[in-house]
C-alpha cells in the first residue's frame, strides 16, 4: 500500500502509531506489510583499493594494465596481481593490448651510396644524465583516407623522455630534421651528444650530417639489417599506437594526428605515464630526481 510505503519512508521522523492515526490504518497492518516487503539491498561498500583501481583505470583511459598495480602501490595500496585482475574483470574493465597492423609501410629505406657512421651505441657507456644519448626513429600512423602519416621522434636514453617530434605526410628528411631541431631548441644539449638511429636515408643524408656537425653531436647508426641495434627507439611504437588509438581506429587527417600526439607525448607520456624500464617512474620524475641530486 502507498500509505504504508509513505510511513516506512518517514518512520525516522514521525512515530508509527501517530502516522497510523493520521492515515487511518492499523499498526498491526503496517508491521505485517513490513514483513512482506523485501528488504532493500544496499550496494556493497568497495574497499579503498578497488575505488582507487577504478579511478586510475579511468584516468589513464584504459592504458594501464600491469602499470595499474604499480600506480596503486605508489598510492599505498598493496594489491596482488590476481585480485586486481578479478576486480577489473568483474567491473567490466579491460586494458588496451598491443596489436600488429596489417601491411605497414617501410619506414627504413637505406641509401646504398651513403657513407654511414658506425654503431657507436653498442660500446658507448650507458647514459647517466639527460642529453648524453638521443635515439631516433620514424613510424607510420594510419589515416582515415587510407593513406599514412609519419612520426619522426627523438628520445632521451636516460629518462625515456620524448625530446622532439614531428608528423609529416611523407618520409622526407625534412620531417626528421624538424624533430631534431625542436629537440635541440628545447634541451640545448652540450657538445658530445651521441645521436643514434637506423640506416634510413634520412639519417645518412648530407643535411643531417651537417646538422650534427653544427650541433657538435656524434653520429651512431645501426648495423645493416639489424633492428635490435635501435631497440630503444623502436620499443615504444606499439605502445604508443595501442594507447593513443582504440582498436581499429585511425586519425582523420595529419592535423588531427598532430593534435592528438601533442596531448599524448607532451602532456601524458613525458609527465604522467609510468615506465617499467624506469622503475615505474615517469620521465619527468627521473629528470627531476637527477636535478635534485645534482644540486
C-alpha atoms as a PDB file:
ATOM      1  CA  UNK A   1       0.000   0.000   0.000  1.00  0.00           C
ATOM      2  CA  UNK A   2       1.127   3.503  -0.747  1.00  0.00           C
ATOM      3  CA  UNK A   3       0.266   4.685   2.783  1.00  0.00           C
ATOM      4  CA  UNK A   4       2.473   2.003   4.348  1.00  0.00           C
ATOM      5  CA  UNK A   5       5.316   2.896   1.977  1.00  0.00           C
ATOM      6  CA  UNK A   6       4.913   6.531   2.988  1.00  0.00           C
ATOM      7  CA  UNK A   7       5.055   5.569   6.642  1.00  0.00           C
ATOM      8  CA  UNK A   8       8.208   3.483   6.162  1.00  0.00           C
ATOM      9  CA  UNK A   9       9.860   6.402   4.411  1.00  0.00           C
ATOM     10  CA  UNK A  10       9.086   8.757   7.333  1.00  0.00           C
ATOM     11  CA  UNK A  11       9.439   6.306  10.212  1.00  0.00           C
ATOM     12  CA  UNK A  12      12.563   8.054  11.459  1.00  0.00           C
ATOM     13  CA  UNK A  13      10.709  11.397  11.623  1.00  0.00           C
ATOM     14  CA  UNK A  14       7.247  10.528  12.995  1.00  0.00           C
ATOM     15  CA  UNK A  15       6.198   7.730  15.370  1.00  0.00           C
ATOM     16  CA  UNK A  16       4.478   4.834  13.647  1.00  0.00           C
ATOM     17  CA  UNK A  17       1.405   4.979  15.919  1.00  0.00           C
ATOM     18  CA  UNK A  18       0.940   8.675  15.137  1.00  0.00           C
ATOM     19  CA  UNK A  19       1.171   8.096  11.402  1.00  0.00           C
ATOM     20  CA  UNK A  20      -1.323   5.247  11.697  1.00  0.00           C
ATOM     21  CA  UNK A  21      -3.837   7.530  13.381  1.00  0.00           C
ATOM     22  CA  UNK A  22      -3.358  10.290  10.814  1.00  0.00           C
ATOM     23  CA  UNK A  23      -3.605   7.933   7.841  1.00  0.00           C
ATOM     24  CA  UNK A  24      -6.396   5.764   9.225  1.00  0.00           C
ATOM     25  CA  UNK A  25      -4.545   2.436   9.216  1.00  0.00           C
ATOM     26  CA  UNK A  26      -3.719  -0.077  11.941  1.00  0.00           C
ATOM     27  CA  UNK A  27      -0.286  -0.571  13.411  1.00  0.00           C
ATOM     28  CA  UNK A  28      -0.649  -4.353  13.059  1.00  0.00           C
ATOM     29  CA  UNK A  29      -1.371  -3.923   9.346  1.00  0.00           C
ATOM     30  CA  UNK A  30       1.698  -1.755   8.939  1.00  0.00           C
ATOM     31  CA  UNK A  31       4.026  -4.230  10.650  1.00  0.00           C
ATOM     32  CA  UNK A  32       2.534  -7.116   8.678  1.00  0.00           C
ATOM     33  CA  UNK A  33       3.223  -5.177   5.487  1.00  0.00           C
ATOM     34  CA  UNK A  34       6.839  -4.588   6.580  1.00  0.00           C
ATOM     35  CA  UNK A  35       7.375  -8.352   6.917  1.00  0.00           C
ATOM     36  CA  UNK A  36       6.035  -8.987   3.409  1.00  0.00           C
ATOM     37  CA  UNK A  37       8.102  -6.258   1.680  1.00  0.00           C
ATOM     38  CA  UNK A  38      11.631  -7.466   0.834  1.00  0.00           C
ATOM     39  CA  UNK A  39      14.421  -5.526   2.463  1.00  0.00           C
ATOM     40  CA  UNK A  40      16.090  -3.184   0.016  1.00  0.00           C
ATOM     41  CA  UNK A  41      19.595  -4.424  -0.815  1.00  0.00           C
ATOM     42  CA  UNK A  42      22.283  -1.864  -0.236  1.00  0.00           C
ATOM     43  CA  UNK A  43      25.181  -1.561  -2.618  1.00  0.00           C
ATOM     44  CA  UNK A  44      28.309  -3.006  -1.014  1.00  0.00           C
ATOM     45  CA  UNK A  45      30.951  -0.523   0.011  1.00  0.00           C
ATOM     46  CA  UNK A  46      34.042  -1.158  -2.088  1.00  0.00           C
ATOM     47  CA  UNK A  47      37.447  -1.360  -0.425  1.00  0.00           C
ATOM     48  CA  UNK A  48      39.630   1.692  -0.875  1.00  0.00           C
ATOM     49  CA  UNK A  49      41.995  -0.121  -3.242  1.00  0.00           C
ATOM     50  CA  UNK A  50      39.150  -1.077  -5.590  1.00  0.00           C
ATOM     51  CA  UNK A  51      37.889   2.505  -5.682  1.00  0.00           C
ATOM     52  CA  UNK A  52      41.436   3.656  -6.427  1.00  0.00           C
ATOM     53  CA  UNK A  53      41.856   0.980  -9.123  1.00  0.00           C
ATOM     54  CA  UNK A  54      38.728   2.093 -10.968  1.00  0.00           C
ATOM     55  CA  UNK A  55      39.753   5.737 -10.687  1.00  0.00           C
ATOM     56  CA  UNK A  56      43.287   5.146 -12.001  1.00  0.00           C
ATOM     57  CA  UNK A  57      41.994   2.925 -14.819  1.00  0.00           C
ATOM     58  CA  UNK A  58      39.563   5.640 -15.921  1.00  0.00           C
ATOM     59  CA  UNK A  59      42.086   8.476 -15.527  1.00  0.00           C
ATOM     60  CA  UNK A  60      44.537   6.735 -17.849  1.00  0.00           C
ATOM     61  CA  UNK A  61      41.813   5.841 -20.365  1.00  0.00           C
ATOM     62  CA  UNK A  62      42.367   2.090 -20.106  1.00  0.00           C
ATOM     63  CA  UNK A  63      46.056   2.395 -20.989  1.00  0.00           C
ATOM     64  CA  UNK A  64      47.234   0.854 -17.739  1.00  0.00           C
ATOM     65  CA  UNK A  65      47.494  -2.928 -17.476  1.00  0.00           C
ATOM     66  CA  UNK A  66      50.457  -4.008 -15.342  1.00  0.00           C
ATOM     67  CA  UNK A  67      51.192  -0.332 -14.667  1.00  0.00           C
ATOM     68  CA  UNK A  68      47.903  -0.095 -12.800  1.00  0.00           C
ATOM     69  CA  UNK A  69      49.281  -2.246  -9.982  1.00  0.00           C
ATOM     70  CA  UNK A  70      52.427  -0.119  -9.827  1.00  0.00           C
ATOM     71  CA  UNK A  71      50.369   3.072  -9.552  1.00  0.00           C
ATOM     72  CA  UNK A  72      48.266   1.561  -6.762  1.00  0.00           C
ATOM     73  CA  UNK A  73      51.435   0.708  -4.835  1.00  0.00           C
ATOM     74  CA  UNK A  74      52.557   4.316  -5.208  1.00  0.00           C
ATOM     75  CA  UNK A  75      49.273   5.344  -3.568  1.00  0.00           C
ATOM     76  CA  UNK A  76      49.749   2.916  -0.674  1.00  0.00           C
ATOM     77  CA  UNK A  77      47.562   0.010  -1.871  1.00  0.00           C
ATOM     78  CA  UNK A  78      49.410  -3.337  -1.836  1.00  0.00           C
ATOM     79  CA  UNK A  79      47.279  -5.464  -4.171  1.00  0.00           C
ATOM     80  CA  UNK A  80      48.099  -8.863  -5.621  1.00  0.00           C
ATOM     81  CA  UNK A  81      48.044  -9.345  -9.378  1.00  0.00           C
ATOM     82  CA  UNK A  82      45.264 -11.933  -9.309  1.00  0.00           C
ATOM     83  CA  UNK A  83      42.992  -9.875  -7.035  1.00  0.00           C
ATOM     84  CA  UNK A  84      43.440  -6.870  -9.291  1.00  0.00           C
ATOM     85  CA  UNK A  85      42.676  -8.967 -12.376  1.00  0.00           C
ATOM     86  CA  UNK A  86      39.460 -10.255 -10.787  1.00  0.00           C
ATOM     87  CA  UNK A  87      38.474  -6.724  -9.767  1.00  0.00           C
ATOM     88  CA  UNK A  88      38.880  -5.408 -13.312  1.00  0.00           C
ATOM     89  CA  UNK A  89      37.078  -8.395 -14.842  1.00  0.00           C
ATOM     90  CA  UNK A  90      34.056  -8.153 -12.548  1.00  0.00           C
ATOM     91  CA  UNK A  91      33.880  -4.398 -13.205  1.00  0.00           C
ATOM     92  CA  UNK A  92      33.950  -4.944 -16.969  1.00  0.00           C
ATOM     93  CA  UNK A  93      37.254  -3.088 -17.343  1.00  0.00           C
ATOM     94  CA  UNK A  94      39.797  -4.304 -19.879  1.00  0.00           C
ATOM     95  CA  UNK A  95      43.105  -2.624 -20.638  1.00  0.00           C
ATOM     96  CA  UNK A  96      44.120  -1.961 -24.216  1.00  0.00           C
ATOM     97  CA  UNK A  97      46.540  -4.523 -25.621  1.00  0.00           C
ATOM     98  CA  UNK A  98      49.157  -4.196 -28.340  1.00  0.00           C
ATOM     99  CA  UNK A  99      48.320  -5.407 -31.815  1.00  0.00           C
ATOM    100  CA  UNK A 100      50.006  -5.722 -35.161  1.00  0.00           C
ATOM    101  CA  UNK A 101      48.933  -3.541 -38.061  1.00  0.00           C
ATOM    102  CA  UNK A 102      48.293  -5.034 -41.487  1.00  0.00           C
ATOM    103  CA  UNK A 103      50.648  -4.136 -44.310  1.00  0.00           C
ATOM    104  CA  UNK A 104      52.652  -1.418 -42.587  1.00  0.00           C
ATOM    105  CA  UNK A 105      54.767   0.727 -44.906  1.00  0.00           C
ATOM    106  CA  UNK A 106      58.523   0.558 -44.723  1.00  0.00           C
ATOM    107  CA  UNK A 107      59.989   3.486 -42.844  1.00  0.00           C
ATOM    108  CA  UNK A 108      63.654   2.479 -43.207  1.00  0.00           C
ATOM    109  CA  UNK A 109      64.865   2.984 -46.766  1.00  0.00           C
ATOM    110  CA  UNK A 110      68.635   2.903 -46.887  1.00  0.00           C
ATOM    111  CA  UNK A 111      70.759   4.779 -49.407  1.00  0.00           C
ATOM    112  CA  UNK A 112      73.406   2.295 -50.632  1.00  0.00           C
ATOM    113  CA  UNK A 113      75.612   5.153 -51.818  1.00  0.00           C
ATOM    114  CA  UNK A 114      75.726   6.920 -48.452  1.00  0.00           C
ATOM    115  CA  UNK A 115      78.696   6.749 -46.095  1.00  0.00           C
ATOM    116  CA  UNK A 116      77.173   5.573 -42.805  1.00  0.00           C
ATOM    117  CA  UNK A 117      78.606   6.025 -39.336  1.00  0.00           C
ATOM    118  CA  UNK A 118      79.480   3.008 -37.196  1.00  0.00           C
ATOM    119  CA  UNK A 119      77.298   1.692 -34.384  1.00  0.00           C
ATOM    120  CA  UNK A 120      78.954   3.541 -31.505  1.00  0.00           C
ATOM    121  CA  UNK A 121      75.975   2.976 -29.206  1.00  0.00           C
ATOM    122  CA  UNK A 122      76.942  -0.696 -28.777  1.00  0.00           C
ATOM    123  CA  UNK A 123      80.139   0.219 -26.919  1.00  0.00           C
ATOM    124  CA  UNK A 124      79.103   3.601 -25.530  1.00  0.00           C
ATOM    125  CA  UNK A 125      78.668   3.970 -21.745  1.00  0.00           C
ATOM    126  CA  UNK A 126      75.058   3.938 -20.582  1.00  0.00           C
ATOM    127  CA  UNK A 127      73.536   7.375 -20.105  1.00  0.00           C
ATOM    128  CA  UNK A 128      73.803   8.667 -16.551  1.00  0.00           C
ATOM    129  CA  UNK A 129      72.228  12.072 -17.197  1.00  0.00           C
ATOM    130  CA  UNK A 130      69.886  13.756 -19.672  1.00  0.00           C
ATOM    131  CA  UNK A 131      71.228  14.858 -23.070  1.00  0.00           C
ATOM    132  CA  UNK A 132      74.034  12.308 -23.253  1.00  0.00           C
ATOM    133  CA  UNK A 133      72.365   9.919 -25.732  1.00  0.00           C
ATOM    134  CA  UNK A 134      69.417  10.516 -28.024  1.00  0.00           C
ATOM    135  CA  UNK A 135      67.836   7.782 -30.132  1.00  0.00           C
ATOM    136  CA  UNK A 136      65.647   8.464 -33.141  1.00  0.00           C
ATOM    137  CA  UNK A 137      63.240   6.586 -35.371  1.00  0.00           C
ATOM    138  CA  UNK A 138      60.270   7.061 -37.711  1.00  0.00           C
ATOM    139  CA  UNK A 139      56.976   5.173 -37.596  1.00  0.00           C
ATOM    140  CA  UNK A 140      53.748   5.164 -39.584  1.00  0.00           C
ATOM    141  CA  UNK A 141      50.273   6.312 -38.496  1.00  0.00           C
ATOM    142  CA  UNK A 142      47.076   5.191 -40.238  1.00  0.00           C
ATOM    143  CA  UNK A 143      44.723   7.865 -41.643  1.00  0.00           C
ATOM    144  CA  UNK A 144      41.011   7.591 -42.435  1.00  0.00           C
ATOM    145  CA  UNK A 145      41.788   8.336 -46.087  1.00  0.00           C
ATOM    146  CA  UNK A 146      43.683   5.044 -46.390  1.00  0.00           C
ATOM    147  CA  UNK A 147      46.965   6.911 -46.552  1.00  0.00           C
ATOM    148  CA  UNK A 148      49.723   7.132 -43.967  1.00  0.00           C
ATOM    149  CA  UNK A 149      51.290   9.837 -41.877  1.00  0.00           C
ATOM    150  CA  UNK A 150      54.795   9.512 -40.461  1.00  0.00           C
ATOM    151  CA  UNK A 151      56.012  10.385 -36.976  1.00  0.00           C
ATOM    152  CA  UNK A 152      59.685  11.271 -36.571  1.00  0.00           C
ATOM    153  CA  UNK A 153      60.710  11.148 -32.937  1.00  0.00           C
ATOM    154  CA  UNK A 154      63.769  11.610 -30.717  1.00  0.00           C
ATOM    155  CA  UNK A 155      64.004  10.167 -27.196  1.00  0.00           C
ATOM    156  CA  UNK A 156      66.473  10.715 -24.394  1.00  0.00           C
ATOM    157  CA  UNK A 157      68.070   7.383 -23.454  1.00  0.00           C
ATOM    158  CA  UNK A 158      68.434   8.381 -19.795  1.00  0.00           C
ATOM    159  CA  UNK A 159      64.861   9.377 -18.963  1.00  0.00           C
ATOM    160  CA  UNK A 160      62.977   7.980 -21.998  1.00  0.00           C
ATOM    161  CA  UNK A 161      61.555  11.478 -22.479  1.00  0.00           C
ATOM    162  CA  UNK A 162      60.433  12.406 -25.985  1.00  0.00           C
ATOM    163  CA  UNK A 163      62.565  15.476 -26.604  1.00  0.00           C
ATOM    164  CA  UNK A 164      61.431  16.264 -30.141  1.00  0.00           C
ATOM    165  CA  UNK A 165      58.896  15.011 -32.679  1.00  0.00           C
ATOM    166  CA  UNK A 166      57.178  15.955 -35.925  1.00  0.00           C
ATOM    167  CA  UNK A 167      54.397  14.468 -38.078  1.00  0.00           C
ATOM    168  CA  UNK A 168      54.517  14.623 -41.855  1.00  0.00           C
ATOM    169  CA  UNK A 169      52.670  13.176 -44.840  1.00  0.00           C
ATOM    170  CA  UNK A 170      55.900  11.826 -46.319  1.00  0.00           C
ATOM    171  CA  UNK A 171      59.132  10.111 -45.331  1.00  0.00           C
ATOM    172  CA  UNK A 172      61.266  13.023 -46.386  1.00  0.00           C
ATOM    173  CA  UNK A 173      64.341  14.116 -44.463  1.00  0.00           C
ATOM    174  CA  UNK A 174      62.817  17.481 -43.535  1.00  0.00           C
ATOM    175  CA  UNK A 175      60.400  15.885 -41.044  1.00  0.00           C
ATOM    176  CA  UNK A 176      63.232  14.229 -39.141  1.00  0.00           C
ATOM    177  CA  UNK A 177      65.306  17.416 -39.246  1.00  0.00           C
ATOM    178  CA  UNK A 178      62.379  19.409 -37.853  1.00  0.00           C
ATOM    179  CA  UNK A 179      62.001  16.970 -34.956  1.00  0.00           C
ATOM    180  CA  UNK A 180      65.734  17.134 -34.206  1.00  0.00           C
ATOM    181  CA  UNK A 181      65.851  20.928 -34.361  1.00  0.00           C
ATOM    182  CA  UNK A 182      62.943  21.138 -31.940  1.00  0.00           C
ATOM    183  CA  UNK A 183      64.760  18.840 -29.538  1.00  0.00           C
ATOM    184  CA  UNK A 184      67.927  20.930 -29.736  1.00  0.00           C
ATOM    185  CA  UNK A 185      65.995  24.159 -29.190  1.00  0.00           C
ATOM    186  CA  UNK A 186      64.273  22.786 -26.076  1.00  0.00           C
ATOM    187  CA  UNK A 187      67.111  20.778 -24.486  1.00  0.00           C
ATOM    188  CA  UNK A 188      70.231  22.704 -25.555  1.00  0.00           C
ATOM    189  CA  UNK A 189      72.446  19.580 -25.439  1.00  0.00           C
ATOM    190  CA  UNK A 190      76.167  20.043 -24.715  1.00  0.00           C
ATOM    191  CA  UNK A 191      78.854  19.048 -27.240  1.00  0.00           C
ATOM    192  CA  UNK A 192      79.471  15.322 -27.415  1.00  0.00           C
ATOM    193  CA  UNK A 193      75.823  14.213 -27.515  1.00  0.00           C
ATOM    194  CA  UNK A 194      75.605  10.725 -29.065  1.00  0.00           C
ATOM    195  CA  UNK A 195      72.806  10.596 -31.665  1.00  0.00           C
ATOM    196  CA  UNK A 196      71.760   7.087 -32.682  1.00  0.00           C
ATOM    197  CA  UNK A 197      69.323   5.977 -35.395  1.00  0.00           C
ATOM    198  CA  UNK A 198      68.905   3.295 -38.051  1.00  0.00           C
ATOM    199  CA  UNK A 199      70.465   3.416 -41.527  1.00  0.00           C
ATOM    200  CA  UNK A 200      67.499   5.067 -43.207  1.00  0.00           C
ATOM    201  CA  UNK A 201      68.378   7.578 -45.904  1.00  0.00           C
ATOM    202  CA  UNK A 202      67.103  10.402 -43.682  1.00  0.00           C
ATOM    203  CA  UNK A 203      69.844   9.727 -41.121  1.00  0.00           C
ATOM    204  CA  UNK A 204      72.646   9.259 -43.648  1.00  0.00           C
ATOM    205  CA  UNK A 205      71.732  12.384 -45.621  1.00  0.00           C
ATOM    206  CA  UNK A 206      74.168  15.255 -46.032  1.00  0.00           C
ATOM    207  CA  UNK A 207      71.642  17.622 -44.435  1.00  0.00           C
ATOM    208  CA  UNK A 208      71.546  15.597 -41.215  1.00  0.00           C
ATOM    209  CA  UNK A 209      75.312  15.107 -41.150  1.00  0.00           C
ATOM    210  CA  UNK A 210      75.758  18.867 -41.458  1.00  0.00           C
ATOM    211  CA  UNK A 211      73.227  19.454 -38.668  1.00  0.00           C
ATOM    212  CA  UNK A 212      75.081  17.077 -36.350  1.00  0.00           C
ATOM    213  CA  UNK A 213      78.378  18.841 -37.062  1.00  0.00           C
ATOM    214  CA  UNK A 214      76.777  22.189 -36.264  1.00  0.00           C
ATOM    215  CA  UNK A 215      75.376  20.776 -33.015  1.00  0.00           C
ATOM    216  CA  UNK A 216      78.739  19.160 -32.191  1.00  0.00           C
ATOM    217  CA  UNK A 217      76.964  15.822 -31.824  1.00  0.00           C
ATOM    218  CA  UNK A 218      78.366  12.366 -32.597  1.00  0.00           C
ATOM    219  CA  UNK A 219      76.596  10.157 -35.133  1.00  0.00           C
ATOM    220  CA  UNK A 220      75.870   6.476 -34.494  1.00  0.00           C
ATOM    221  CA  UNK A 221      73.905   4.203 -36.833  1.00  0.00           C
ATOM    222  CA  UNK A 222      72.626   0.656 -36.532  1.00  0.00           C
ATOM    223  CA  UNK A 223      74.308  -2.170 -38.388  1.00  0.00           C
ATOM    224  CA  UNK A 224      72.747  -3.115 -41.730  1.00  0.00           C
ATOM    225  CA  UNK A 225      69.653  -5.276 -41.322  1.00  0.00           C
ATOM    226  CA  UNK A 226      69.826  -5.333 -37.516  1.00  0.00           C
ATOM    227  CA  UNK A 227      66.765  -3.612 -35.977  1.00  0.00           C
ATOM    228  CA  UNK A 228      67.828  -4.617 -32.455  1.00  0.00           C
ATOM    229  CA  UNK A 229      70.599  -2.029 -32.595  1.00  0.00           C
ATOM    230  CA  UNK A 230      67.906   0.627 -32.332  1.00  0.00           C
ATOM    231  CA  UNK A 231      65.574  -1.245 -29.987  1.00  0.00           C
ATOM    232  CA  UNK A 232      65.392   1.632 -27.508  1.00  0.00           C
ATOM    233  CA  UNK A 233      63.857   3.925 -30.118  1.00  0.00           C
ATOM    234  CA  UNK A 234      61.550   1.316 -31.633  1.00  0.00           C
ATOM    235  CA  UNK A 235      60.276  -0.263 -28.414  1.00  0.00           C
ATOM    236  CA  UNK A 236      57.655   2.407 -27.744  1.00  0.00           C
ATOM    237  CA  UNK A 237      55.865   2.418 -31.093  1.00  0.00           C
ATOM    238  CA  UNK A 238      53.390  -0.420 -30.479  1.00  0.00           C
ATOM    239  CA  UNK A 239      52.647   1.004 -27.035  1.00  0.00           C
ATOM    240  CA  UNK A 240      52.056   4.474 -28.456  1.00  0.00           C
ATOM    241  CA  UNK A 241      49.626   3.242 -31.098  1.00  0.00           C
ATOM    242  CA  UNK A 242      47.789   0.981 -28.658  1.00  0.00           C
ATOM    243  CA  UNK A 243      47.371   3.668 -26.016  1.00  0.00           C
ATOM    244  CA  UNK A 244      46.596   6.523 -28.374  1.00  0.00           C
ATOM    245  CA  UNK A 245      44.120   4.786 -30.709  1.00  0.00           C
ATOM    246  CA  UNK A 246      41.334   2.358 -29.792  1.00  0.00           C
ATOM    247  CA  UNK A 247      41.351  -0.951 -31.665  1.00  0.00           C
ATOM    248  CA  UNK A 248      40.785  -0.427 -35.379  1.00  0.00           C
ATOM    249  CA  UNK A 249      40.712   3.380 -35.130  1.00  0.00           C
ATOM    250  CA  UNK A 250      42.793   5.847 -37.116  1.00  0.00           C
ATOM    251  CA  UNK A 251      43.347   9.571 -37.393  1.00  0.00           C
ATOM    252  CA  UNK A 252      41.050  11.620 -39.615  1.00  0.00           C
ATOM    253  CA  UNK A 253      43.978  13.510 -41.141  1.00  0.00           C
ATOM    254  CA  UNK A 254      47.509  14.732 -40.411  1.00  0.00           C
ATOM    255  CA  UNK A 255      46.264  17.739 -38.457  1.00  0.00           C
ATOM    256  CA  UNK A 256      44.265  15.559 -36.076  1.00  0.00           C
ATOM    257  CA  UNK A 257      47.296  13.301 -35.658  1.00  0.00           C
ATOM    258  CA  UNK A 258      49.406  16.311 -34.649  1.00  0.00           C
ATOM    259  CA  UNK A 259      46.849  17.500 -32.108  1.00  0.00           C
ATOM    260  CA  UNK A 260      46.409  14.063 -30.543  1.00  0.00           C
ATOM    261  CA  UNK A 261      50.166  13.427 -30.413  1.00  0.00           C
ATOM    262  CA  UNK A 262      50.808  16.792 -28.783  1.00  0.00           C
ATOM    263  CA  UNK A 263      48.427  15.853 -25.978  1.00  0.00           C
ATOM    264  CA  UNK A 264      49.761  12.304 -25.650  1.00  0.00           C
ATOM    265  CA  UNK A 265      53.524  12.871 -25.953  1.00  0.00           C
ATOM    266  CA  UNK A 266      53.958  16.257 -24.301  1.00  0.00           C
ATOM    267  CA  UNK A 267      51.276  16.144 -21.621  1.00  0.00           C
ATOM    268  CA  UNK A 268      50.844  12.426 -20.886  1.00  0.00           C
ATOM    269  CA  UNK A 269      53.790  10.263 -21.955  1.00  0.00           C
ATOM    270  CA  UNK A 270      56.505  12.582 -20.650  1.00  0.00           C
ATOM    271  CA  UNK A 271      54.837  13.678 -17.421  1.00  0.00           C
ATOM    272  CA  UNK A 272      52.213  11.130 -16.263  1.00  0.00           C
ATOM    273  CA  UNK A 273      52.827   7.678 -17.725  1.00  0.00           C
ATOM    274  CA  UNK A 274      54.791   5.217 -15.573  1.00  0.00           C
ATOM    275  CA  UNK A 275      57.625   3.385 -17.371  1.00  0.00           C
ATOM    276  CA  UNK A 276      58.607  -0.125 -16.308  1.00  0.00           C
ATOM    277  CA  UNK A 277      62.168   0.494 -17.541  1.00  0.00           C
ATOM    278  CA  UNK A 278      62.378   3.469 -15.165  1.00  0.00           C
ATOM    279  CA  UNK A 279      61.248   1.552 -12.095  1.00  0.00           C
ATOM    280  CA  UNK A 280      57.668   2.694 -12.716  1.00  0.00           C
ATOM    281  CA  UNK A 281      58.512   6.376 -12.638  1.00  0.00           C
ATOM    282  CA  UNK A 282      57.693   9.000 -15.252  1.00  0.00           C
ATOM    283  CA  UNK A 283      60.374  10.620 -17.450  1.00  0.00           C
ATOM    284  CA  UNK A 284      59.723  13.909 -15.695  1.00  0.00           C
ATOM    285  CA  UNK A 285      60.253  12.328 -12.274  1.00  0.00           C
ATOM    286  CA  UNK A 286      63.537  10.771 -13.390  1.00  0.00           C
ATOM    287  CA  UNK A 287      64.907  14.072 -14.653  1.00  0.00           C
ATOM    288  CA  UNK A 288      63.703  15.998 -11.602  1.00  0.00           C
ATOM    289  CA  UNK A 289      65.324  13.409  -9.332  1.00  0.00           C
ATOM    290  CA  UNK A 290      68.576  13.811 -11.247  1.00  0.00           C
ATOM    291  CA  UNK A 291      68.480  17.613 -10.960  1.00  0.00           C
ATOM    292  CA  UNK A 292      67.632  17.409  -7.235  1.00  0.00           C
ATOM    293  CA  UNK A 293      70.620  15.159  -6.532  1.00  0.00           C
ATOM    294  CA  UNK A 294      72.816  17.367  -8.675  1.00  0.00           C
ATOM    295  CA  UNK A 295      72.004  20.398  -6.556  1.00  0.00           C
END
